[in-house]
Amino acid sequence: MSAQKTSAKGLALVALLFGFMMINLADKVIVGLAGVPIMTDLQLTPKQFGLVGSSFFFSSRFPPLSPASLSTASIRNGPCL
């Protein structure tokens, strides 16, 4: 088994992706905690708030995948998903 050397760029990319995913998760948590005041201010029913929240959360799932699919490694070796 050969040892592979990790590059500083690779580690930086992993750290950035981890940071962006944590921001994404924190954003969802904040919207969930602020749900009742948002529903009160905008006069939304739980069904309407669920629809708005679902569409927001669904659309936020795709941006974290784009850097991984556009990297040069995935172009050379195929997608890593």
C-alpha atoms as a PDB file:
ATOM      1  CA  MET A   1       0.000   0.000   0.000  1.00  0.00           C
ATOM      2  CA  SER A   2       1.555   3.288  -1.068  1.00  0.00           C
ATOM      3  CA  ALA A   3       1.279   6.415   1.025  1.00  0.00           C
ATOM      4  CA  GLN A   4      -0.392   9.328  -0.690  1.00  0.00           C
ATOM      5  CA  LYS A   5       0.714  12.878  -0.025  1.00  0.00           C
ATOM      6  CA  THR A   6      -2.051  15.386   0.699  1.00  0.00           C
ATOM      7  CA  SER A   7      -1.641  18.844  -0.717  1.00  0.00           C
ATOM      8  CA  ALA A   8      -2.330  22.115   1.049  1.00  0.00           C
ATOM      9  CA  LYS A   9      -4.822  23.062  -1.676  1.00  0.00           C
ATOM     10  CA  GLY A  10      -6.773  19.868  -1.116  1.00  0.00           C
ATOM     11  CA  LEU A  11      -6.958  20.436   2.623  1.00  0.00           C
ATOM     12  CA  ALA A  12      -8.016  24.056   2.069  1.00  0.00           C
ATOM     13  CA  LEU A  13     -10.767  22.917  -0.297  1.00  0.00           C
ATOM     14  CA  VAL A  14     -12.038  20.379   2.228  1.00  0.00           C
ATOM     15  CA  ALA A  15     -12.001  23.042   4.964  1.00  0.00           C
ATOM     16  CA  LEU A  16     -13.927  25.482   2.753  1.00  0.00           C
ATOM     17  CA  LEU A  17     -16.531  22.867   1.809  1.00  0.00           C
ATOM     18  CA  PHE A  18     -16.921  21.930   5.472  1.00  0.00           C
ATOM     19  CA  GLY A  19     -17.364  25.599   6.395  1.00  0.00           C
ATOM     20  CA  PHE A  20     -19.968  26.168   3.698  1.00  0.00           C
ATOM     21  CA  MET A  21     -21.907  23.089   4.759  1.00  0.00           C
ATOM     22  CA  MET A  22     -21.914  24.304   8.380  1.00  0.00           C
ATOM     23  CA  ILE A  23     -23.229  27.699   7.254  1.00  0.00           C
ATOM     24  CA  ASN A  24     -25.892  25.901   5.225  1.00  0.00           C
ATOM     25  CA  LEU A  25     -26.920  23.860   8.270  1.00  0.00           C
ATOM     26  CA  ALA A  26     -26.903  26.898  10.568  1.00  0.00           C
ATOM     27  CA  ASP A  27     -29.120  28.742   8.094  1.00  0.00           C
ATOM     28  CA  LYS A  28     -31.695  25.953   8.238  1.00  0.00           C
ATOM     29  CA  VAL A  29     -31.598  25.852  12.029  1.00  0.00           C
ATOM     30  CA  ILE A  30     -32.113  29.616  12.285  1.00  0.00           C
ATOM     31  CA  VAL A  31     -35.080  29.539   9.895  1.00  0.00           C
ATOM     32  CA  GLY A  32     -36.585  26.693  11.922  1.00  0.00           C
ATOM     33  CA  LEU A  33     -36.166  28.535  15.227  1.00  0.00           C
ATOM     34  CA  ALA A  34     -37.602  31.732  13.779  1.00  0.00           C
ATOM     35  CA  GLY A  35     -40.554  29.894  12.191  1.00  0.00           C
ATOM     36  CA  VAL A  36     -43.277  30.999  14.601  1.00  0.00           C
ATOM     37  CA  PRO A  37     -42.394  34.728  14.507  1.00  0.00           C
ATOM     38  CA  ILE A  38     -42.075  34.587  10.717  1.00  0.00           C
ATOM     39  CA  MET A  39     -45.487  32.915  10.423  1.00  0.00           C
ATOM     40  CA  THR A  40     -47.003  35.538  12.714  1.00  0.00           C
ATOM     41  CA  ASP A  41     -45.476  38.514  10.894  1.00  0.00           C
ATOM     42  CA  LEU A  42     -46.339  37.273   7.408  1.00  0.00           C
ATOM     43  CA  GLN A  43     -49.685  35.750   8.462  1.00  0.00           C
ATOM     44  CA  LEU A  44     -48.796  32.345   7.028  1.00  0.00           C
ATOM     45  CA  THR A  45     -50.527  29.092   7.849  1.00  0.00           C
ATOM     46  CA  PRO A  46     -48.348  26.132   8.843  1.00  0.00           C
ATOM     47  CA  LYS A  47     -49.005  24.604   5.429  1.00  0.00           C
ATOM     48  CA  GLN A  48     -47.834  27.757   3.622  1.00  0.00           C
ATOM     49  CA  PHE A  49     -44.754  28.053   5.819  1.00  0.00           C
ATOM     50  CA  GLY A  50     -43.943  24.409   5.172  1.00  0.00           C
ATOM     51  CA  LEU A  51     -44.172  24.960   1.421  1.00  0.00           C
ATOM     52  CA  VAL A  52     -41.931  28.035   1.556  1.00  0.00           C
ATOM     53  CA  GLY A  53     -39.462  26.303   3.879  1.00  0.00           C
ATOM     54  CA  SER A  54     -39.377  23.151   1.768  1.00  0.00           C
ATOM     55  CA  SER A  55     -38.692  25.070  -1.417  1.00  0.00           C
ATOM     56  CA  PHE A  56     -35.936  27.043   0.333  1.00  0.00           C
ATOM     57  CA  PHE A  57     -34.314  23.935   1.782  1.00  0.00           C
ATOM     58  CA  PHE A  58     -34.647  22.001  -1.472  1.00  0.00           C
ATOM     59  CA  SER A  59     -32.960  24.777  -3.459  1.00  0.00           C
ATOM     60  CA  SER A  60     -30.136  25.020  -0.917  1.00  0.00           C
ATOM     61  CA  ARG A  61     -29.121  21.357  -1.396  1.00  0.00           C
ATOM     62  CA  PHE A  62     -27.627  21.783  -4.851  1.00  0.00           C
ATOM     63  CA  PRO A  63     -24.994  24.551  -4.470  1.00  0.00           C
ATOM     64  CA  PRO A  64     -22.709  22.485  -2.168  1.00  0.00           C
ATOM     65  CA  LEU A  65     -22.475  19.807  -4.862  1.00  0.00           C
ATOM     66  CA  SER A  66     -21.347  22.150  -7.647  1.00  0.00           C
ATOM     67  CA  PRO A  67     -17.698  22.712  -6.539  1.00  0.00           C
ATOM     68  CA  ALA A  68     -17.146  18.962  -6.237  1.00  0.00           C
ATOM     69  CA  SER A  69     -18.598  18.230  -9.656  1.00  0.00           C
ATOM     70  CA  LEU A  70     -16.682  21.061 -11.370  1.00  0.00           C
ATOM     71  CA  SER A  71     -13.234  20.288  -9.953  1.00  0.00           C
ATOM     72  CA  THR A  72     -10.469  19.164 -12.270  1.00  0.00           C
ATOM     73  CA  ALA A  73     -10.132  15.874 -10.389  1.00  0.00           C
ATOM     74  CA  SER A  74     -13.722  14.927 -11.169  1.00  0.00           C
ATOM     75  CA  ILE A  75     -13.203  15.827 -14.823  1.00  0.00           C
ATOM     76  CA  ARG A  76     -10.162  13.538 -15.015  1.00  0.00           C
ATOM     77  CA  ASN A  77     -11.418  10.687 -12.815  1.00  0.00           C
ATOM     78  CA  GLY A  78     -15.168  10.985 -13.128  1.00  0.00           C
ATOM     79  CA  PRO A  79     -17.545  12.385 -10.511  1.00  0.00           C
ATOM     80  CA  CYS A  80     -16.881  11.406  -6.916  1.00  0.00           C
ATOM     81  CA  LEU A  81     -20.570  11.082  -6.021  1.00  0.00           C
END
